[in-house]
Protein backbone atom coordinates (compact mmCIF):
# COMPACT_ATOMS: atom_id res chain seq x y z
CA UNK A 1 -0.39 -0.34 0.20
CA UNK A 2 1.53 3.49 -0.97
CA UNK A 3 0.37 7.31 -0.32
CA UNK A 4 1.15 10.32 -2.22
CA UNK A 5 0.31 13.88 -2.39
CA UNK A 6 -0.13 14.86 -5.48
CA UNK A 7 -0.81 18.38 -5.42
CA UNK A 8 -0.81 20.20 -1.66
CA UNK A 9 -4.43 22.55 -1.79
CA UNK A 10 -5.34 26.17 -0.44
CA UNK A 11 -7.88 27.99 1.08
CA UNK A 12 -9.33 31.07 -1.32
CA UNK A 13 -9.36 32.73 1.94
CA UNK A 14 -8.19 31.28 5.03
CA UNK A 15 -9.82 33.08 7.59
CA UNK A 16 -7.44 32.18 10.41
CA UNK A 17 -4.79 34.19 8.26
CA UNK A 18 -7.59 37.50 8.95
CA UNK A 19 -8.69 36.32 5.06
CA UNK A 20 -12.21 37.69 4.73
CA UNK A 21 -11.92 37.84 1.05
CA UNK A 22 -10.20 35.50 -1.95
CA UNK A 23 -6.60 35.62 -2.37
CA UNK A 24 -5.95 33.25 -4.05
CA UNK A 25 -7.61 30.21 -6.24
CA UNK A 26 -8.95 27.05 -3.95
CA UNK A 27 -8.19 23.99 -4.19
CA UNK A 28 -8.00 20.40 -2.55
CA UNK A 29 -5.26 18.76 -2.01
CA UNK A 30 -5.06 15.46 -4.08
CA UNK A 31 -4.02 12.49 -2.86
CA UNK A 32 -2.82 9.09 -4.75
CA UNK A 33 -3.43 5.88 -2.82
CA UNK A 34 -2.02 2.28 -4.27
CA UNK A 35 -3.37 -0.81 -3.03
CA UNK A 36 -4.15 -3.95 -4.19
CA UNK A 37 -4.10 -3.81 -7.70
CA UNK A 38 -5.73 -0.16 -7.99
CA UNK A 39 -4.42 3.33 -8.56
CA UNK A 40 -7.11 5.91 -6.67
CA UNK A 41 -6.58 9.45 -7.21
CA UNK A 42 -8.53 10.95 -4.68
CA UNK A 43 -9.93 15.16 -5.25
CA UNK A 44 -7.93 16.11 -8.54
CA UNK A 45 -8.71 19.73 -8.12
CA UNK A 46 -6.50 21.22 -10.22
CA UNK A 47 -7.25 21.78 -14.20
CA UNK A 48 -5.99 19.16 -16.43
CA UNK A 49 -3.47 20.00 -17.27
CA UNK A 50 -1.77 21.04 -14.77
CA UNK A 51 -3.16 18.06 -12.50
CA UNK A 52 -1.71 15.77 -15.14
CA UNK A 53 1.51 17.50 -14.97
CA UNK A 54 1.78 16.66 -11.43
CA UNK A 55 0.83 13.21 -11.69
CA UNK A 56 3.88 12.90 -13.87
CA UNK A 57 6.17 14.84 -11.35
CA UNK A 58 5.08 12.96 -8.22
CA UNK A 59 4.31 9.43 -9.31
CA UNK A 60 5.48 9.42 -12.44
CA UNK A 61 2.05 8.34 -14.15
CA UNK A 62 -0.27 9.46 -16.52
CA UNK A 63 -4.07 9.92 -16.39
CA UNK A 64 -4.42 6.39 -18.24
CA UNK A 65 -2.90 4.85 -15.24
CA UNK A 66 -5.74 5.61 -12.53
CA UNK A 67 -8.35 3.19 -12.44
CA UNK A 68 -10.06 4.87 -10.15
CA UNK A 69 -10.95 8.63 -9.48
CA UNK A 70 -12.52 8.88 -5.31
CA UNK A 71 -13.85 12.64 -4.40
CA UNK A 72 -14.96 13.84 -1.29
CA UNK A 73 -17.35 15.99 -1.84
CA UNK A 74 -18.92 17.14 -5.20
CA UNK A 75 -17.88 21.22 -4.42
CA UNK A 76 -16.31 22.76 -7.63
CA UNK A 77 -12.72 23.32 -6.40
CA UNK A 78 -12.69 19.39 -5.80
CA UNK A 79 -12.97 18.62 -9.32
CA UNK A 80 -12.07 20.88 -11.41
CA UNK A 81 -9.28 18.34 -13.58
CA UNK A 82 -12.00 15.07 -13.12
CA UNK A 83 -12.54 14.78 -16.77
CA UNK A 84 -8.73 14.32 -17.26
CA UNK A 85 -9.60 10.42 -16.00
CA UNK A 86 -11.98 9.51 -18.83
CA UNK A 87 -10.77 6.22 -18.77
CA UNK A 88 -11.41 5.56 -14.57
CA UNK A 89 -14.31 4.93 -12.56
CA UNK A 90 -15.69 8.10 -10.77
CA UNK A 91 -16.69 7.44 -6.80
CA UNK A 92 -18.59 9.46 -4.50
CA UNK A 93 -19.90 8.51 -1.51
CA UNK A 94 -23.50 7.69 -1.59
CA UNK A 95 -24.69 10.49 0.85
CA UNK A 96 -23.10 13.27 -1.24
CA UNK A 97 -24.16 12.08 -4.15
CA UNK A 98 -27.94 11.95 -3.27
CA UNK A 99 -27.26 15.49 -1.37
CA UNK A 100 -26.01 17.36 -4.02
CA UNK A 101 -28.49 15.68 -6.57
CA UNK A 102 -31.93 16.21 -5.25
CA UNK A 103 -31.59 20.01 -4.94
CA UNK A 104 -29.66 19.93 -8.60
CA UNK A 105 -33.05 18.25 -10.12
CA UNK A 106 -35.20 20.59 -8.79
CA UNK A 107 -32.75 23.62 -9.82
CA UNK A 108 -32.39 22.41 -13.48
CA UNK A 109 -36.50 21.93 -13.68
CA UNK A 110 -36.79 25.37 -12.39
CA UNK A 111 -34.74 26.61 -15.05
CA UNK A 112 -35.80 25.02 -17.95
CA UNK A 113 -39.72 26.38 -17.20
CA UNK A 114 -38.01 29.84 -16.75
CA UNK A 115 -36.29 29.79 -19.99
CA UNK A 116 -32.75 30.59 -18.65
CA UNK A 117 -30.77 28.40 -21.42
CA UNK A 118 -27.36 29.15 -19.58
CA UNK A 119 -27.86 28.22 -16.47
CA UNK A 120 -30.15 25.17 -17.73
CA UNK A 121 -26.77 24.21 -19.95
CA UNK A 122 -24.52 24.50 -16.70
CA UNK A 123 -26.62 22.55 -14.76
CA UNK A 124 -26.76 19.71 -17.07
CA UNK A 125 -23.23 20.08 -17.39
CA UNK A 126 -22.65 19.53 -13.58
CA UNK A 127 -25.85 16.69 -13.80
CA UNK A 128 -23.57 14.61 -16.28
CA UNK A 129 -20.76 14.87 -14.06
CA UNK A 130 -22.92 13.69 -11.19
CA UNK A 131 -24.63 10.83 -13.26
CA UNK A 132 -20.53 10.00 -14.32
CA UNK A 133 -19.93 9.19 -10.41
CA UNK A 134 -20.48 5.59 -9.09
CA UNK A 135 -21.70 4.80 -5.55
CA UNK A 136 -18.20 4.05 -3.97
CA UNK A 137 -18.38 1.03 -2.02
CA UNK A 138 -17.24 0.58 1.61
CA UNK A 139 -13.75 -0.40 0.63
CA UNK A 140 -12.00 0.80 -2.00
CA UNK A 141 -8.86 -1.41 -1.89
CA UNK A 142 -7.75 -3.73 0.07
CA UNK A 143 -6.73 -1.73 3.61
CA UNK A 144 -8.98 1.32 2.21
CA UNK A 145 -11.99 2.04 2.84
CA UNK A 146 -14.79 5.15 3.12
CA UNK A 147 -14.77 7.13 5.83
CA UNK A 148 -17.87 9.23 6.95
CA UNK A 149 -16.91 12.64 7.67
CA UNK A 150 -20.09 14.37 6.88
CA UNK A 151 -21.24 18.02 7.68
CA UNK A 152 -18.64 20.61 5.75
CA UNK A 153 -20.84 19.26 3.06
CA UNK A 154 -24.19 16.64 3.74
CA UNK A 155 -22.03 13.52 2.22
CA UNK A 156 -18.32 14.28 3.03
CA UNK A 157 -16.40 11.43 2.87
CA UNK A 158 -12.80 10.55 3.39
CA UNK A 159 -10.59 7.80 3.04
CA UNK A 160 -9.07 5.85 5.58
CA UNK A 161 -5.73 3.65 5.35
CA UNK A 162 -5.22 0.98 7.77
CA UNK A 163 -1.71 -0.72 8.30
CA UNK A 164 -0.54 -2.92 10.70
CA UNK A 165 1.68 -0.03 12.95
CA UNK A 166 -0.73 3.11 12.21
CA UNK A 167 -3.87 4.27 10.43
CA UNK A 168 -4.19 7.46 7.72
CA UNK A 169 -6.84 9.30 7.04
CA UNK A 170 -7.20 11.72 3.90
CA UNK A 171 -9.68 14.45 5.55
CA UNK A 172 -11.49 16.50 2.97
CA UNK A 173 -12.60 19.53 4.12
CA UNK A 174 -13.63 17.92 7.15
CA UNK A 175 -9.96 19.05 9.16
CA UNK A 176 -8.76 21.66 5.73
CA UNK A 177 -6.05 23.33 7.06
CA UNK A 178 -3.14 22.74 10.14
CA UNK A 179 -4.22 26.13 11.65
CA UNK A 180 -7.89 23.97 11.54
CA UNK A 181 -6.72 21.06 13.23
CA UNK A 182 -4.62 23.22 16.24
CA UNK A 183 -7.51 24.63 16.79
CA UNK A 184 -9.86 21.99 16.76
CA UNK A 185 -12.10 23.98 14.33
CA UNK A 186 -14.26 23.48 11.27
CA UNK A 187 -14.29 25.44 8.30
CA UNK A 188 -17.34 28.64 8.32
CA UNK A 189 -18.87 26.93 5.21
CA UNK A 190 -20.11 23.97 6.93
CA UNK A 191 -23.72 23.06 6.58
CA UNK A 192 -24.05 21.29 9.49
CA UNK A 193 -22.33 23.08 12.30
CA UNK A 194 -22.72 19.74 15.15
CA UNK A 195 -22.25 17.28 12.47
CA UNK A 196 -19.09 18.61 11.12
CA UNK A 197 -18.00 19.03 14.74
CA UNK A 198 -18.64 15.56 15.13
CA UNK A 199 -16.83 14.33 11.87
CA UNK A 200 -13.60 16.45 13.41
CA UNK A 201 -13.74 14.57 16.50
CA UNK A 202 -13.83 11.35 14.57
CA UNK A 203 -11.01 12.39 12.52
CA UNK A 204 -8.60 13.23 15.39
CA UNK A 205 -9.45 10.18 17.10
CA UNK A 206 -9.22 7.44 14.97
CA UNK A 207 -6.15 8.56 12.48
CA UNK A 208 -2.23 8.71 13.62
CA UNK A 209 -1.22 10.21 9.85
CA UNK A 210 -3.87 13.08 8.51
CA UNK A 211 -3.97 14.25 4.90
CA UNK A 212 -5.76 17.41 5.43
CA UNK A 213 -8.26 18.87 2.75
CA UNK A 214 -6.46 22.39 1.86
CA UNK A 215 -3.05 20.63 3.20
CA UNK A 216 0.02 18.32 3.52
CA UNK A 217 0.27 15.26 5.00
CA UNK A 218 0.82 15.78 8.70
CA UNK A 219 1.25 13.59 12.28
CA UNK A 220 -1.80 13.77 14.49
CA UNK A 221 -0.48 16.16 17.05
CA UNK A 222 -2.95 14.24 19.82
CA UNK A 223 -1.43 11.01 19.18
CA UNK A 224 2.28 9.95 20.49
CA UNK A 225 5.40 10.02 18.69
CA UNK A 226 5.82 6.90 16.40
């Protein structure tokens, strides 16, 4: 089993750096897991050409080498490079798929009724992407499983790697940065604050290593050194 951070993410505006307005392009951390004969890319957040270059730099791989793509959420800045991996199976949690899909369908129906062709085109593109995403199995590969971290988005889901000596959790936006981790804070944009706080606590409790949603791979500060 192997995990590599392909691209370190960033917040468009980091509230814990006293930023209230976007000062950079936000994008999620992209992680590669190779296990059980599968190459699983998590959150291809950079534009296609850039994520393709990063994949070559960090793992000596091409898009066609990726067997599966997993989205921790369906936020736009988590999936900019998704369509580069046309030959891969796209996965998302059932909870996130349903939470996103239902309101999107309602919005599309309303746009059609109102004759807003520009909005219809945009929503149809989003619907097509979501429909292409299959519901992920509980176990993505040997020793690699989904880990529910709902709250920041309704169905946000991380990925847990269980190894003999330690566990690693790819957190998505449940734990976005080292500052959030150190202060025990969830993102301000969480749709369900109480649930997001519970998910944050679950992440810190279970994992020895954390891949942060907008940061790097870090050691859980609440765990003993190993």
